[in-house]
C-alpha atoms as a PDB file:
ATOM      1  CA  MET A   1     154.672  32.367 101.832  1.00  0.00           C
ATOM      2  CA  ASN A   2     155.072  32.225  98.037  1.00  0.00           C
ATOM      3  CA  VAL A   3     158.619  30.022  98.372  1.00  0.00           C
ATOM      4  CA  LEU A   4     156.543  27.654 100.770  1.00  0.00           C
ATOM      5  CA  LEU A   5     153.265  27.697  98.310  1.00  0.00           C
ATOM      6  CA  GLY A   6     156.094  26.994  95.511  1.00  0.00           C
ATOM      7  CA  THR A   7     157.938  24.127  96.550  1.00  0.00           C
ATOM      8  CA  VAL A   8     154.546  22.332  97.765  1.00  0.00           C
ATOM      9  CA  LEU A   9     153.190  22.613  94.207  1.00  0.00           C
ATOM     10  CA  ILE A  10     156.257  21.010  92.894  1.00  0.00           C
ATOM     11  CA  LEU A  11     156.407  18.348  95.696  1.00  0.00           C
ATOM     12  CA  VAL A  12     152.501  17.816  94.348  1.00  0.00           C
ATOM     13  CA  ALA A  13     153.572  17.684  90.820  1.00  0.00           C
ATOM     14  CA  ALA A  14     156.262  15.201  91.083  1.00  0.00           C
ATOM     15  CA  VAL A  15     154.539  13.109  93.342  1.00  0.00           C
ATOM     16  CA  GLY A  16     151.519  13.287  91.188  1.00  0.00           C
ATOM     17  CA  THR A  17     153.769  11.930  88.373  1.00  0.00           C
ATOM     18  CA  VAL A  18     155.434   9.388  90.565  1.00  0.00           C
ATOM     19  CA  VAL A  19     151.752   7.887  91.023  1.00  0.00           C
ATOM     20  CA  VAL A  20     151.377   7.820  87.270  1.00  0.00           C
ATOM     21  CA  VAL A  21     154.177   6.265  86.558  1.00  0.00           C
ATOM     22  CA  LEU A  22     154.451   3.402  89.254  1.00  0.00           C
ATOM     23  CA  ARG A  23     153.150   0.259  87.782  1.00  0.00           C
ATOM     24  CA  ASP A  24     153.166  -1.807  91.771  1.00  0.00           C
ATOM     25  CA  PRO A  25     149.838  -1.455  92.386  1.00  0.00           C
ATOM     26  CA  LEU A  26     151.290  -1.304  96.139  1.00  0.00           C
ATOM     27  CA  ARG A  27     153.571   1.652  95.719  1.00  0.00           C
ATOM     28  CA  GLN A  28     151.067   3.186  93.859  1.00  0.00           C
ATOM     29  CA  ALA A  29     148.793   3.440  97.338  1.00  0.00           C
ATOM     30  CA  LEU A  30     151.994   4.251  99.138  1.00  0.00           C
ATOM     31  CA  ALA A  31     152.590   7.616  96.758  1.00  0.00           C
ATOM     32  CA  VAL A  32     148.222   8.196  96.577  1.00  0.00           C
ATOM     33  CA  SER A  33     149.130   8.425 100.706  1.00  0.00           C
ATOM     34  CA  LEU A  34     152.039  10.767  99.776  1.00  0.00           C
ATOM     35  CA  PHE A  35     149.954  12.434  97.416  1.00  0.00           C
ATOM     36  CA  GLY A  36     147.010  13.263  99.826  1.00  0.00           C
ATOM     37  CA  ILE A  37     149.373  13.780 102.914  1.00  0.00           C
ATOM     38  CA  LEU A  38     150.662  16.820 100.336  1.00  0.00           C
ATOM     39  CA  LEU A  39     147.816  18.043  99.055  1.00  0.00           C
ATOM     40  CA  GLY A  40     146.537  18.390 102.919  1.00  0.00           C
ATOM     41  CA  ILE A  41     150.045  20.797 103.436  1.00  0.00           C
ATOM     42  CA  TYR A  42     148.885  22.972 100.218  1.00  0.00           C
ATOM     43  CA  PHE A  43     145.300  23.428 101.581  1.00  0.00           C
ATOM     44  CA  PHE A  44     146.413  24.192 105.267  1.00  0.00           C
ATOM     45  CA  SER A  45     148.754  26.672 103.515  1.00  0.00           C
ATOM     46  CA  VAL A  46     146.347  28.664 101.673  1.00  0.00           C
ATOM     47  CA  GLN A  47     144.552  28.582 104.682  1.00  0.00           C
ATOM     48  CA  ALA A  48     141.643  26.531 104.084  1.00  0.00           C
ATOM     49  CA  ILE A  49     142.147  24.525 106.943  1.00  0.00           C
ATOM     50  CA  ASP A  50     138.760  22.397 106.246  1.00  0.00           C
ATOM     51  CA  VAL A  51     139.814  21.501 102.722  1.00  0.00           C
ATOM     52  CA  ALA A  52     142.488  20.303 104.637  1.00  0.00           C
ATOM     53  CA  LEU A  53     141.154  18.066 106.967  1.00  0.00           C
ATOM     54  CA  SER A  54     139.222  16.242 104.207  1.00  0.00           C
ATOM     55  CA  GLU A  55     141.664  15.655 102.061  1.00  0.00           C
ATOM     56  CA  ILE A  56     143.792  14.108 104.939  1.00  0.00           C
ATOM     57  CA  VAL A  57     141.156  11.880 105.890  1.00  0.00           C
ATOM     58  CA  VAL A  58     140.149  10.955 102.537  1.00  0.00           C
ATOM     59  CA  GLY A  59     143.115  11.150 100.272  1.00  0.00           C
ATOM     60  CA  ALA A  60     145.835  10.176 102.650  1.00  0.00           C
ATOM     61  CA  VAL A  61     143.972   7.072 104.853  1.00  0.00           C
ATOM     62  CA  ALA A  62     140.559   6.117 103.370  1.00  0.00           C
ATOM     63  CA  LEU A  63     141.800   6.297  99.623  1.00  0.00           C
ATOM     64  CA  PRO A  64     144.768   4.257 100.378  1.00  0.00           C
ATOM     65  CA  LEU A  65     143.439   1.648 102.628  1.00  0.00           C
ATOM     66  CA  MET A  66     140.317   0.787 100.443  1.00  0.00           C
ATOM     67  CA  ILE A  67     143.008  -0.206  97.360  1.00  0.00           C
ATOM     68  CA  LEU A  68     145.054  -1.971  99.987  1.00  0.00           C
ATOM     69  CA  LEU A  69     142.074  -4.369 100.953  1.00  0.00           C
ATOM     70  CA  ALA A  70     141.357  -4.431  97.564  1.00  0.00           C
ATOM     71  CA  LEU A  71     144.608  -5.647  96.371  1.00  0.00           C
ATOM     72  CA  ALA A  72     144.365  -8.009  99.441  1.00  0.00           C
ATOM     73  CA  LYS A  73     141.315  -9.367  98.504  1.00  0.00           C
ATOM     74  CA  ILE A  74     142.301 -10.089  94.819  1.00  0.00           C
ATOM     75  CA  ARG A  75     145.754 -11.880  95.895  1.00  0.00           C
ATOM     76  CA  GLY A  76     144.116 -13.715  97.995  1.00  0.00           C
ATOM     77  CA  GLY A  77     145.008 -12.223 101.473  1.00  0.00           C
ATOM     78  CA  VAL A  78     141.571 -11.256 103.357  1.00  0.00           C
ATOM     79  CA  GLN A  79     138.908 -13.686 103.905  1.00  0.00           C
END
């Protein structure tokens, strides 16, 4: 179990760094979605099931969707 937690934490740190380093907002939104999924997996592995489900819904679906809609609105894609 410790190997799983260590691996997931390393992946979370790596993807978090990728989110910060990326300059394109579209790619950042996709990386934020992956970051939310990895955090959900981490919470699931430490048996915080309710937090994991909330993180997956908010961090992997709702937040990237809001970012993508805002980008589309700024670029003139959504009326």
